[in-house]
Amino acid sequence: MHFRRITATVAATAAAGAMALAATPALSASKGFAAEDKAAPSFKKYVKQVHRDADGQFIVNGDEPIAGRRALKSYYFSMTGKKLRAQRTNAQTTKRALVGTRDQGLIINRYGGRDDKWSATTARNLTYCVSTRFGTRQSTIINAMANGAAIWEGASSGVNFVYVSSQNANCTTRNTSVVFSVEPTTTSSYIARAFFPSSSKSSRNILVNATSLVNSGSWTPANIMAHELGHTLGFRHEHTRPEAGTCFEDNNWRALTPYDNRSIMHYPQCNGGSSNLTFSSYDRTGVRAVYGS
């Protein structure tokens, strides 16, 4: 999304996102925000247009969940109220500070004033299951997860995703034997969506539309899942950085590397430099900055 007016948020939530359905570079994000706050719909109208998963979470920014109506309302007012002007100002300040520099790619979410990341111990034991409810597609998801995880694991010895097949039959967010679950969805709003480390246990799942996953053009199942696993490690969409010039989300992040329009965390349709959603050298640098080499 872009300088996040709710009018753009609604459109992007419905149609955009790295993992939005149809998964082709032609997927569009909205064009930008209206000039005045009064152009934003009321919260009552807005909430009716935002996709809501079966578990009650609302999906914004294409593939990022917000847990519950109260949290969504806070998000709505932060994007349409007084904070908006400050965010725009901050974005422009950030842009001026970063353009032409090499000391700021990959960005990490911030939560409570800190980097949103796992402890070193947990990061080396990120256990997960893959629900049997995927049916005949389960093996496809298992392989995509393994290959996607290997991308991050190959970049940092501090990251290790552990597949626990014994928990597949009970693969839900209520299962305390795994850190997170990988479950099916039939929504037409996205291909997959994930969570951040700060998410509560009840929100720690990756939902995947398996049919869409295997019909995603130049985006391989492994790279799509690697993008989602990037979120689970705390990494934000790269295109929220002002250098992208579009699809702005917010300023709640810290830069780890120079801006990278070829990052696996950058939507190709948001002025991305690659249509393949592949892992870049700056992605490697960024994950090492957080979890070690």
C-alpha atoms as a PDB file:
ATOM      1  CA  MET A   1       0.000   0.000   0.000  1.00  0.00           C
ATOM      2  CA  HIS A   2       0.915   3.635  -0.240  1.00  0.00           C
ATOM      3  CA  PHE A   3       0.724   6.603   2.100  1.00  0.00           C
ATOM      4  CA  ARG A   4      -1.909   4.648   3.790  1.00  0.00           C
ATOM      5  CA  ARG A   5      -5.205   6.390   3.365  1.00  0.00           C
ATOM      6  CA  ILE A   6      -7.984   3.978   4.059  1.00  0.00           C
ATOM      7  CA  THR A   7      -9.354   4.363   0.544  1.00  0.00           C
ATOM      8  CA  ALA A   8      -6.146   2.790  -0.731  1.00  0.00           C
ATOM      9  CA  THR A   9      -6.066   0.318   2.116  1.00  0.00           C
ATOM     10  CA  VAL A  10      -9.439  -1.091   1.105  1.00  0.00           C
ATOM     11  CA  ALA A  11      -8.384  -1.557  -2.486  1.00  0.00           C
ATOM     12  CA  ALA A  12      -5.022  -3.064  -1.635  1.00  0.00           C
ATOM     13  CA  THR A  13      -6.490  -5.381   0.961  1.00  0.00           C
ATOM     14  CA  ALA A  14      -8.907  -6.714  -1.607  1.00  0.00           C
ATOM     15  CA  ALA A  15      -6.607  -6.906  -4.606  1.00  0.00           C
ATOM     16  CA  ALA A  16      -2.937  -6.571  -3.744  1.00  0.00           C
ATOM     17  CA  GLY A  17      -0.317  -8.324  -1.695  1.00  0.00           C
ATOM     18  CA  ALA A  18       2.684 -10.371  -2.610  1.00  0.00           C
ATOM     19  CA  MET A  19       0.566 -13.405  -2.025  1.00  0.00           C
ATOM     20  CA  ALA A  20      -2.658 -12.089  -3.516  1.00  0.00           C
ATOM     21  CA  LEU A  21      -4.593 -14.395  -5.788  1.00  0.00           C
ATOM     22  CA  ALA A  22      -3.625 -14.880  -9.422  1.00  0.00           C
ATOM     23  CA  ALA A  23      -0.042 -14.296  -8.328  1.00  0.00           C
ATOM     24  CA  THR A  24       1.237 -12.646 -11.443  1.00  0.00           C
ATOM     25  CA  PRO A  25       3.333  -9.507 -11.786  1.00  0.00           C
ATOM     26  CA  ALA A  26       0.225  -7.860 -13.272  1.00  0.00           C
ATOM     27  CA  LEU A  27      -1.449  -7.793  -9.883  1.00  0.00           C
ATOM     28  CA  SER A  28      -2.105  -4.216  -8.886  1.00  0.00           C
ATOM     29  CA  ALA A  29      -1.878  -2.266  -5.693  1.00  0.00           C
ATOM     30  CA  SER A  30      -4.024   0.843  -5.403  1.00  0.00           C
ATOM     31  CA  LYS A  31      -2.753   4.063  -6.959  1.00  0.00           C
ATOM     32  CA  GLY A  32      -2.447   6.171  -3.837  1.00  0.00           C
ATOM     33  CA  PHE A  33      -4.372   8.099  -1.243  1.00  0.00           C
ATOM     34  CA  ALA A  34      -6.933  10.798  -1.694  1.00  0.00           C
ATOM     35  CA  ALA A  35      -5.842  14.316  -0.929  1.00  0.00           C
ATOM     36  CA  GLU A  36      -8.044  14.830   2.112  1.00  0.00           C
ATOM     37  CA  ASP A  37      -8.869  12.703   5.142  1.00  0.00           C
ATOM     38  CA  LYS A  38     -12.584  13.170   4.462  1.00  0.00           C
ATOM     39  CA  ALA A  39     -12.202  10.888   1.422  1.00  0.00           C
ATOM     40  CA  ALA A  40     -11.748   7.893   3.705  1.00  0.00           C
ATOM     41  CA  PRO A  41     -14.834   5.736   4.287  1.00  0.00           C
ATOM     42  CA  SER A  42     -16.311   5.421   7.741  1.00  0.00           C
ATOM     43  CA  PHE A  43     -14.987   2.582   9.869  1.00  0.00           C
ATOM     44  CA  LYS A  44     -18.362   0.875   9.527  1.00  0.00           C
ATOM     45  CA  LYS A  45     -18.001   0.853   5.753  1.00  0.00           C
ATOM     46  CA  TYR A  46     -14.304   0.039   5.874  1.00  0.00           C
ATOM     47  CA  VAL A  47     -14.659  -3.041   8.067  1.00  0.00           C
ATOM     48  CA  LYS A  48     -17.194  -4.524   5.650  1.00  0.00           C
ATOM     49  CA  GLN A  49     -14.653  -4.361   2.838  1.00  0.00           C
ATOM     50  CA  VAL A  50     -11.667  -5.870   4.630  1.00  0.00           C
ATOM     51  CA  HIS A  51     -11.150  -9.603   4.225  1.00  0.00           C
ATOM     52  CA  ARG A  52     -11.634 -11.532   7.456  1.00  0.00           C
ATOM     53  CA  ASP A  53     -10.262 -15.042   7.905  1.00  0.00           C
ATOM     54  CA  ALA A  54     -12.257 -17.831   9.489  1.00  0.00           C
ATOM     55  CA  ASP A  55     -10.289 -17.374  12.718  1.00  0.00           C
ATOM     56  CA  GLY A  56     -11.513 -13.775  12.989  1.00  0.00           C
ATOM     57  CA  GLN A  57      -8.326 -12.017  11.912  1.00  0.00           C
ATOM     58  CA  PHE A  58      -8.519  -9.162   9.414  1.00  0.00           C
ATOM     59  CA  ILE A  59      -5.986  -9.100   6.568  1.00  0.00           C
ATOM     60  CA  VAL A  60      -4.230  -5.855   5.617  1.00  0.00           C
ATOM     61  CA  ASN A  61      -1.214  -5.125   3.410  1.00  0.00           C
ATOM     62  CA  GLY A  62      -2.025  -8.161   1.322  1.00  0.00           C
ATOM     63  CA  ASP A  63      -0.925 -10.894   3.709  1.00  0.00           C
ATOM     64  CA  GLU A  64      -0.591  -9.461   7.230  1.00  0.00           C
ATOM     65  CA  PRO A  65      -3.215 -10.282   9.893  1.00  0.00           C
ATOM     66  CA  ILE A  66      -4.733  -7.983  12.500  1.00  0.00           C
ATOM     67  CA  ALA A  67      -6.303  -9.814  15.415  1.00  0.00           C
ATOM     68  CA  GLY A  68      -9.843  -8.627  16.076  1.00  0.00           C
ATOM     69  CA  ARG A  69     -12.135  -5.694  15.424  1.00  0.00           C
ATOM     70  CA  ARG A  70     -10.669  -3.522  18.193  1.00  0.00           C
ATOM     71  CA  ALA A  71      -7.162  -3.799  16.753  1.00  0.00           C
ATOM     72  CA  LEU A  72      -8.476  -3.115  13.259  1.00  0.00           C
ATOM     73  CA  LYS A  73     -10.246  -0.014  14.539  1.00  0.00           C
ATOM     74  CA  SER A  74      -7.002   1.253  16.048  1.00  0.00           C
ATOM     75  CA  TYR A  75      -5.296   0.588  12.737  1.00  0.00           C
ATOM     76  CA  TYR A  76      -8.063   2.434  10.874  1.00  0.00           C
ATOM     77  CA  PHE A  77      -7.880   5.532  13.050  1.00  0.00           C
ATOM     78  CA  SER A  78      -4.088   5.591  12.958  1.00  0.00           C
ATOM     79  CA  MET A  79      -4.299   5.657   9.170  1.00  0.00           C
ATOM     80  CA  THR A  80      -7.057   8.277   8.869  1.00  0.00           C
ATOM     81  CA  GLY A  81      -6.454  10.510  11.873  1.00  0.00           C
ATOM     82  CA  LYS A  82      -3.844  12.956  13.042  1.00  0.00           C
ATOM     83  CA  LYS A  83      -1.068  10.380  12.886  1.00  0.00           C
ATOM     84  CA  LEU A  84      -1.289  10.306   9.105  1.00  0.00           C
ATOM     85  CA  ARG A  85       0.322  13.698   8.566  1.00  0.00           C
ATOM     86  CA  ALA A  86       3.140  12.783  10.919  1.00  0.00           C
ATOM     87  CA  GLN A  87       3.670   9.499   9.086  1.00  0.00           C
ATOM     88  CA  ARG A  88       3.832  11.299   5.756  1.00  0.00           C
ATOM     89  CA  THR A  89       6.339  13.761   7.162  1.00  0.00           C
ATOM     90  CA  ASN A  90       8.388  10.949   8.670  1.00  0.00           C
ATOM     91  CA  ALA A  91       8.298   9.055   5.393  1.00  0.00           C
ATOM     92  CA  GLN A  92       9.640  12.041   3.484  1.00  0.00           C
ATOM     93  CA  THR A  93      12.306  12.619   6.134  1.00  0.00           C
ATOM     94  CA  THR A  94      13.307   8.973   5.915  1.00  0.00           C
ATOM     95  CA  LYS A  95      13.424   9.177   2.138  1.00  0.00           C
ATOM     96  CA  ARG A  96      15.706  12.211   2.210  1.00  0.00           C
ATOM     97  CA  ALA A  97      17.953  10.525   4.759  1.00  0.00           C
ATOM     98  CA  LEU A  98      18.270   7.241   2.874  1.00  0.00           C
ATOM     99  CA  VAL A  99      18.504   8.278  -0.752  1.00  0.00           C
ATOM    100  CA  GLY A 100      22.116   7.924  -1.847  1.00  0.00           C
ATOM    101  CA  THR A 101      23.224   6.147   1.337  1.00  0.00           C
ATOM    102  CA  ARG A 102      24.433   2.595   1.813  1.00  0.00           C
ATOM    103  CA  ASP A 103      24.130   2.235   5.559  1.00  0.00           C
ATOM    104  CA  GLN A 104      20.458   1.553   6.051  1.00  0.00           C
ATOM    105  CA  GLY A 105      16.825  -4.177   1.505  1.00  0.00           C
ATOM    106  CA  LEU A 106      15.539  -5.885   4.371  1.00  0.00           C
ATOM    107  CA  ILE A 107      13.570  -4.204   7.164  1.00  0.00           C
ATOM    108  CA  ILE A 108      12.365  -5.585  10.477  1.00  0.00           C
ATOM    109  CA  ASN A 109       9.047  -4.917  12.166  1.00  0.00           C
ATOM    110  CA  ARG A 110       9.047  -2.926  15.408  1.00  0.00           C
ATOM    111  CA  TYR A 111       6.875  -3.848  18.373  1.00  0.00           C
ATOM    112  CA  GLY A 112       6.875  -2.029  21.687  1.00  0.00           C
ATOM    113  CA  GLY A 113       9.831   0.049  20.558  1.00  0.00           C
ATOM    114  CA  ARG A 114      11.968  -3.023  19.851  1.00  0.00           C
ATOM    115  CA  ASP A 115      12.810  -5.239  16.915  1.00  0.00           C
ATOM    116  CA  ASP A 116      10.070  -7.826  16.456  1.00  0.00           C
ATOM    117  CA  LYS A 117      12.179 -10.975  16.488  1.00  0.00           C
ATOM    118  CA  TRP A 118      12.531 -14.356  18.175  1.00  0.00           C
ATOM    119  CA  SER A 119      14.976 -15.086  20.955  1.00  0.00           C
ATOM    120  CA  ALA A 120      18.116 -16.876  19.775  1.00  0.00           C
ATOM    121  CA  THR A 121      16.884 -20.114  21.351  1.00  0.00           C
ATOM    122  CA  THR A 122      13.461 -20.035  19.712  1.00  0.00           C
ATOM    123  CA  ALA A 123      14.846 -18.943  16.337  1.00  0.00           C
ATOM    124  CA  ARG A 124      16.855 -22.167  16.213  1.00  0.00           C
ATOM    125  CA  ASN A 125      13.798 -24.284  16.958  1.00  0.00           C
ATOM    126  CA  LEU A 126      10.846 -22.838  15.041  1.00  0.00           C
ATOM    127  CA  THR A 127       8.663 -25.922  15.060  1.00  0.00           C
ATOM    128  CA  TYR A 128       5.646 -26.230  12.794  1.00  0.00           C
ATOM    129  CA  CYS A 129       3.127 -28.737  11.482  1.00  0.00           C
ATOM    130  CA  VAL A 130       1.282 -28.974   8.163  1.00  0.00           C
ATOM    131  CA  SER A 131      -2.395 -29.786   8.507  1.00  0.00           C
ATOM    132  CA  THR A 132      -3.795 -33.028   7.106  1.00  0.00           C
ATOM    133  CA  ARG A 133      -6.754 -30.901   5.976  1.00  0.00           C
ATOM    134  CA  PHE A 134      -4.721 -30.035   2.881  1.00  0.00           C
ATOM    135  CA  GLY A 135      -5.635 -33.511   1.668  1.00  0.00           C
ATOM    136  CA  THR A 136      -3.899 -34.483  -1.558  1.00  0.00           C
ATOM    137  CA  ARG A 137      -2.109 -31.124  -1.570  1.00  0.00           C
ATOM    138  CA  GLN A 138      -0.402 -31.731   1.771  1.00  0.00           C
ATOM    139  CA  SER A 139       2.825 -33.073   0.271  1.00  0.00           C
ATOM    140  CA  THR A 140       3.012 -29.994  -1.958  1.00  0.00           C
ATOM    141  CA  ILE A 141       2.776 -27.720   1.072  1.00  0.00           C
ATOM    142  CA  ILE A 142       5.276 -29.807   3.028  1.00  0.00           C
ATOM    143  CA  ASN A 143       7.810 -29.520   0.211  1.00  0.00           C
ATOM    144  CA  ALA A 144       7.171 -25.811  -0.333  1.00  0.00           C
ATOM    145  CA  MET A 145       7.648 -25.146   3.377  1.00  0.00           C
ATOM    146  CA  ALA A 146      10.843 -27.189   3.529  1.00  0.00           C
ATOM    147  CA  ASN A 147      12.306 -25.468   0.485  1.00  0.00           C
ATOM    148  CA  GLY A 148      11.197 -22.030   1.629  1.00  0.00           C
ATOM    149  CA  ALA A 149      12.655 -22.597   5.090  1.00  0.00           C
ATOM    150  CA  ALA A 150      15.937 -23.769   3.570  1.00  0.00           C
ATOM    151  CA  ILE A 151      16.339 -20.388   1.891  1.00  0.00           C
ATOM    152  CA  TRP A 152      16.442 -18.560   5.235  1.00  0.00           C
ATOM    153  CA  GLU A 153      18.338 -21.339   7.008  1.00  0.00           C
ATOM    154  CA  GLY A 154      21.003 -21.262   4.320  1.00  0.00           C
ATOM    155  CA  ALA A 155      21.542 -17.567   4.978  1.00  0.00           C
ATOM    156  CA  SER A 156      21.791 -17.728   8.782  1.00  0.00           C
ATOM    157  CA  SER A 157      22.837 -20.517  11.121  1.00  0.00           C
ATOM    158  CA  GLY A 158      20.715 -18.793  13.750  1.00  0.00           C
ATOM    159  CA  VAL A 159      17.491 -19.753  11.956  1.00  0.00           C
ATOM    160  CA  ASN A 160      16.108 -23.283  11.957  1.00  0.00           C
ATOM    161  CA  PHE A 161      12.564 -24.303  11.048  1.00  0.00           C
ATOM    162  CA  VAL A 162      11.652 -27.753  12.345  1.00  0.00           C
ATOM    163  CA  TYR A 163       8.862 -29.736  10.710  1.00  0.00           C
ATOM    164  CA  VAL A 164       6.997 -31.893  13.263  1.00  0.00           C
ATOM    165  CA  SER A 165       4.942 -34.340  11.215  1.00  0.00           C
ATOM    166  CA  SER A 166       3.555 -36.059  14.323  1.00  0.00           C
ATOM    167  CA  GLN A 167       1.426 -32.946  14.962  1.00  0.00           C
ATOM    168  CA  ASN A 168      -0.152 -32.769  11.505  1.00  0.00           C
ATOM    169  CA  ALA A 169      -3.434 -34.364  12.562  1.00  0.00           C
ATOM    170  CA  ASN A 170      -3.871 -31.693  15.232  1.00  0.00           C
ATOM    171  CA  CYS A 171      -2.333 -28.808  13.361  1.00  0.00           C
ATOM    172  CA  THR A 172      -4.043 -25.685  14.707  1.00  0.00           C
ATOM    173  CA  THR A 173      -3.035 -22.618  16.677  1.00  0.00           C
ATOM    174  CA  ARG A 174      -4.233 -24.415  19.806  1.00  0.00           C
ATOM    175  CA  ASN A 175      -1.470 -27.002  19.476  1.00  0.00           C
ATOM    176  CA  THR A 176       1.202 -26.039  21.996  1.00  0.00           C
ATOM    177  CA  SER A 177       3.605 -28.705  20.725  1.00  0.00           C
ATOM    178  CA  VAL A 178       4.605 -26.454  17.830  1.00  0.00           C
ATOM    179  CA  VAL A 179       5.434 -22.766  17.515  1.00  0.00           C
ATOM    180  CA  PHE A 180       3.074 -22.333  14.575  1.00  0.00           C
ATOM    181  CA  SER A 181       0.747 -24.220  12.275  1.00  0.00           C
ATOM    182  CA  VAL A 182       0.365 -24.271   8.502  1.00  0.00           C
ATOM    183  CA  GLU A 183      -3.304 -24.584   7.591  1.00  0.00           C
ATOM    184  CA  PRO A 184      -5.477 -24.470   4.459  1.00  0.00           C
ATOM    185  CA  THR A 185      -7.778 -21.670   3.397  1.00  0.00           C
ATOM    186  CA  THR A 186     -10.133 -21.329   0.452  1.00  0.00           C
ATOM    187  CA  THR A 187     -10.195 -17.540   0.425  1.00  0.00           C
ATOM    188  CA  SER A 188      -9.835 -15.747  -2.888  1.00  0.00           C
ATOM    189  CA  SER A 189      -8.193 -12.745  -1.217  1.00  0.00           C
ATOM    190  CA  TYR A 190      -4.630 -14.060  -1.078  1.00  0.00           C
ATOM    191  CA  ILE A 191      -2.428 -17.057  -1.780  1.00  0.00           C
ATOM    192  CA  ALA A 192      -0.891 -17.158   1.679  1.00  0.00           C
ATOM    193  CA  ARG A 193      -0.549 -15.030   4.776  1.00  0.00           C
ATOM    194  CA  ALA A 194       1.552 -15.268   7.916  1.00  0.00           C
ATOM    195  CA  PHE A 195       2.277 -13.550  11.262  1.00  0.00           C
ATOM    196  CA  PHE A 196       5.019 -11.724  13.162  1.00  0.00           C
ATOM    197  CA  PRO A 197       6.987 -13.030  16.188  1.00  0.00           C
ATOM    198  CA  SER A 198       5.031 -10.700  18.485  1.00  0.00           C
ATOM    199  CA  SER A 199       1.729 -12.333  17.486  1.00  0.00           C
ATOM    200  CA  SER A 200      -0.117 -14.249  20.184  1.00  0.00           C
ATOM    201  CA  LYS A 201      -0.133 -18.046  19.963  1.00  0.00           C
ATOM    202  CA  SER A 202      -3.745 -17.963  18.771  1.00  0.00           C
ATOM    203  CA  SER A 203      -2.613 -15.977  15.727  1.00  0.00           C
ATOM    204  CA  ARG A 204       0.505 -17.933  14.854  1.00  0.00           C
ATOM    205  CA  ASN A 205      -0.454 -19.725  11.702  1.00  0.00           C
ATOM    206  CA  ILE A 206       0.337 -19.551   8.015  1.00  0.00           C
ATOM    207  CA  LEU A 207      -2.786 -19.946   5.915  1.00  0.00           C
ATOM    208  CA  VAL A 208      -2.341 -21.187   2.354  1.00  0.00           C
ATOM    209  CA  ASN A 209      -4.644 -21.516  -0.632  1.00  0.00           C
ATOM    210  CA  ALA A 210      -2.965 -24.644  -2.003  1.00  0.00           C
ATOM    211  CA  THR A 211      -4.580 -24.488  -5.428  1.00  0.00           C
ATOM    212  CA  SER A 212      -3.399 -20.925  -5.956  1.00  0.00           C
ATOM    213  CA  LEU A 213       0.051 -21.751  -4.605  1.00  0.00           C
ATOM    214  CA  VAL A 214       0.755 -24.146  -7.454  1.00  0.00           C
ATOM    215  CA  ASN A 215      -0.699 -21.852 -10.110  1.00  0.00           C
ATOM    216  CA  SER A 216       1.356 -18.754  -9.410  1.00  0.00           C
ATOM    217  CA  GLY A 217       3.232 -18.204 -12.637  1.00  0.00           C
ATOM    218  CA  SER A 218       6.855 -17.213 -12.110  1.00  0.00           C
ATOM    219  CA  TRP A 219       6.446 -17.307  -8.328  1.00  0.00           C
ATOM    220  CA  THR A 220       7.451 -20.775  -7.170  1.00  0.00           C
ATOM    221  CA  PRO A 221       5.705 -22.381  -4.170  1.00  0.00           C
ATOM    222  CA  ALA A 222       9.039 -22.371  -2.336  1.00  0.00           C
ATOM    223  CA  ASN A 223       9.599 -18.649  -2.858  1.00  0.00           C
ATOM    224  CA  ILE A 224       6.039 -17.796  -1.887  1.00  0.00           C
ATOM    225  CA  MET A 225       6.433 -19.721   1.352  1.00  0.00           C
ATOM    226  CA  ALA A 226       9.858 -18.166   1.896  1.00  0.00           C
ATOM    227  CA  HIS A 227       8.202 -14.738   1.668  1.00  0.00           C
ATOM    228  CA  GLU A 228       5.685 -15.760   4.322  1.00  0.00           C
ATOM    229  CA  LEU A 229       8.407 -17.267   6.496  1.00  0.00           C
ATOM    230  CA  GLY A 230      10.188 -13.934   6.219  1.00  0.00           C
ATOM    231  CA  HIS A 231       7.217 -12.384   8.002  1.00  0.00           C
ATOM    232  CA  THR A 232       7.377 -15.056  10.711  1.00  0.00           C
ATOM    233  CA  LEU A 233      10.988 -13.996  11.313  1.00  0.00           C
ATOM    234  CA  GLY A 234       9.868 -10.398  11.748  1.00  0.00           C
ATOM    235  CA  PHE A 235      10.632  -8.953   8.319  1.00  0.00           C
ATOM    236  CA  ARG A 236       8.300  -6.404   6.756  1.00  0.00           C
ATOM    237  CA  HIS A 237       7.403  -5.725   3.142  1.00  0.00           C
ATOM    238  CA  GLU A 238      10.372  -4.018   1.553  1.00  0.00           C
ATOM    239  CA  HIS A 239       8.145  -1.818  -0.604  1.00  0.00           C
ATOM    240  CA  THR A 240       6.899   0.113   2.437  1.00  0.00           C
ATOM    241  CA  ARG A 241      10.192   1.998   2.262  1.00  0.00           C
ATOM    242  CA  PRO A 242       9.819   5.443   0.655  1.00  0.00           C
ATOM    243  CA  GLU A 243      12.337   4.609  -2.059  1.00  0.00           C
ATOM    244  CA  ALA A 244       9.746   2.276  -3.614  1.00  0.00           C
ATOM    245  CA  GLY A 245       7.577   5.280  -4.449  1.00  0.00           C
ATOM    246  CA  THR A 246       4.360   3.294  -4.005  1.00  0.00           C
ATOM    247  CA  CYS A 247       2.596   0.764  -1.782  1.00  0.00           C
ATOM    248  CA  PHE A 248       3.587   2.564   1.434  1.00  0.00           C
ATOM    249  CA  GLU A 249       2.330   0.847   4.597  1.00  0.00           C
ATOM    250  CA  ASP A 250       3.785   2.600   7.649  1.00  0.00           C
ATOM    251  CA  ASN A 251       7.014   3.622   9.379  1.00  0.00           C
ATOM    252  CA  ASN A 252       6.956   0.970  12.090  1.00  0.00           C
ATOM    253  CA  TRP A 253      10.185  -0.700  11.015  1.00  0.00           C
ATOM    254  CA  ARG A 254      13.971  -0.451  11.136  1.00  0.00           C
ATOM    255  CA  ALA A 255      16.186  -0.680   8.069  1.00  0.00           C
ATOM    256  CA  LEU A 256      18.756  -3.472   8.079  1.00  0.00           C
ATOM    257  CA  THR A 257      20.262  -2.984   4.613  1.00  0.00           C
ATOM    258  CA  PRO A 258      20.082  -0.525   1.717  1.00  0.00           C
ATOM    259  CA  TYR A 259      16.742  -0.452  -0.104  1.00  0.00           C
ATOM    260  CA  ASP A 260      16.404  -3.539  -2.278  1.00  0.00           C
ATOM    261  CA  ASN A 261      13.694  -3.685  -4.938  1.00  0.00           C
ATOM    262  CA  ARG A 262      14.740  -7.277  -5.684  1.00  0.00           C
ATOM    263  CA  SER A 263      14.129  -8.481  -2.120  1.00  0.00           C
ATOM    264  CA  ILE A 264      11.990 -11.552  -1.575  1.00  0.00           C
ATOM    265  CA  MET A 265       9.958  -9.306   0.738  1.00  0.00           C
ATOM    266  CA  HIS A 266       9.223  -6.772  -2.053  1.00  0.00           C
ATOM    267  CA  TYR A 267       5.968  -7.120  -4.006  1.00  0.00           C
ATOM    268  CA  PRO A 268       6.892  -7.305  -7.713  1.00  0.00           C
ATOM    269  CA  GLN A 269       3.819  -5.192  -8.553  1.00  0.00           C
ATOM    270  CA  CYS A 270       5.009  -2.381  -6.274  1.00  0.00           C
ATOM    271  CA  ASN A 271       7.887  -1.188  -8.470  1.00  0.00           C
ATOM    272  CA  GLY A 272       9.806  -4.361  -7.728  1.00  0.00           C
ATOM    273  CA  GLY A 273      13.011  -5.116  -9.595  1.00  0.00           C
ATOM    274  CA  SER A 274      12.258  -8.812 -10.029  1.00  0.00           C
ATOM    275  CA  SER A 275       9.139 -10.658 -11.129  1.00  0.00           C
ATOM    276  CA  ASN A 276      10.287 -13.946  -9.601  1.00  0.00           C
ATOM    277  CA  LEU A 277      10.077 -13.199  -5.857  1.00  0.00           C
ATOM    278  CA  THR A 278      13.582 -14.525  -5.277  1.00  0.00           C
ATOM    279  CA  PHE A 279      15.997 -14.246  -2.345  1.00  0.00           C
ATOM    280  CA  SER A 280      18.590 -11.488  -2.757  1.00  0.00           C
ATOM    281  CA  SER A 281      22.055 -10.846  -1.379  1.00  0.00           C
ATOM    282  CA  TYR A 282      20.655  -8.033   0.775  1.00  0.00           C
ATOM    283  CA  ASP A 283      18.079 -10.457   2.188  1.00  0.00           C
ATOM    284  CA  ARG A 284      21.004 -12.607   3.286  1.00  0.00           C
ATOM    285  CA  THR A 285      22.746  -9.614   4.826  1.00  0.00           C
ATOM    286  CA  GLY A 286      19.583  -8.528   6.618  1.00  0.00           C
ATOM    287  CA  VAL A 287      18.715 -11.857   8.229  1.00  0.00           C
ATOM    288  CA  ARG A 288      22.309 -12.212   9.407  1.00  0.00           C
ATOM    289  CA  ALA A 289      22.122  -8.785  11.007  1.00  0.00           C
ATOM    290  CA  VAL A 290      19.220 -10.004  13.158  1.00  0.00           C
ATOM    291  CA  TYR A 291      19.896 -13.698  13.728  1.00  0.00           C
ATOM    292  CA  GLY A 292      23.631 -14.017  13.063  1.00  0.00           C
ATOM    293  CA  SER A 293      25.634 -15.586  10.274  1.00  0.00           C
END
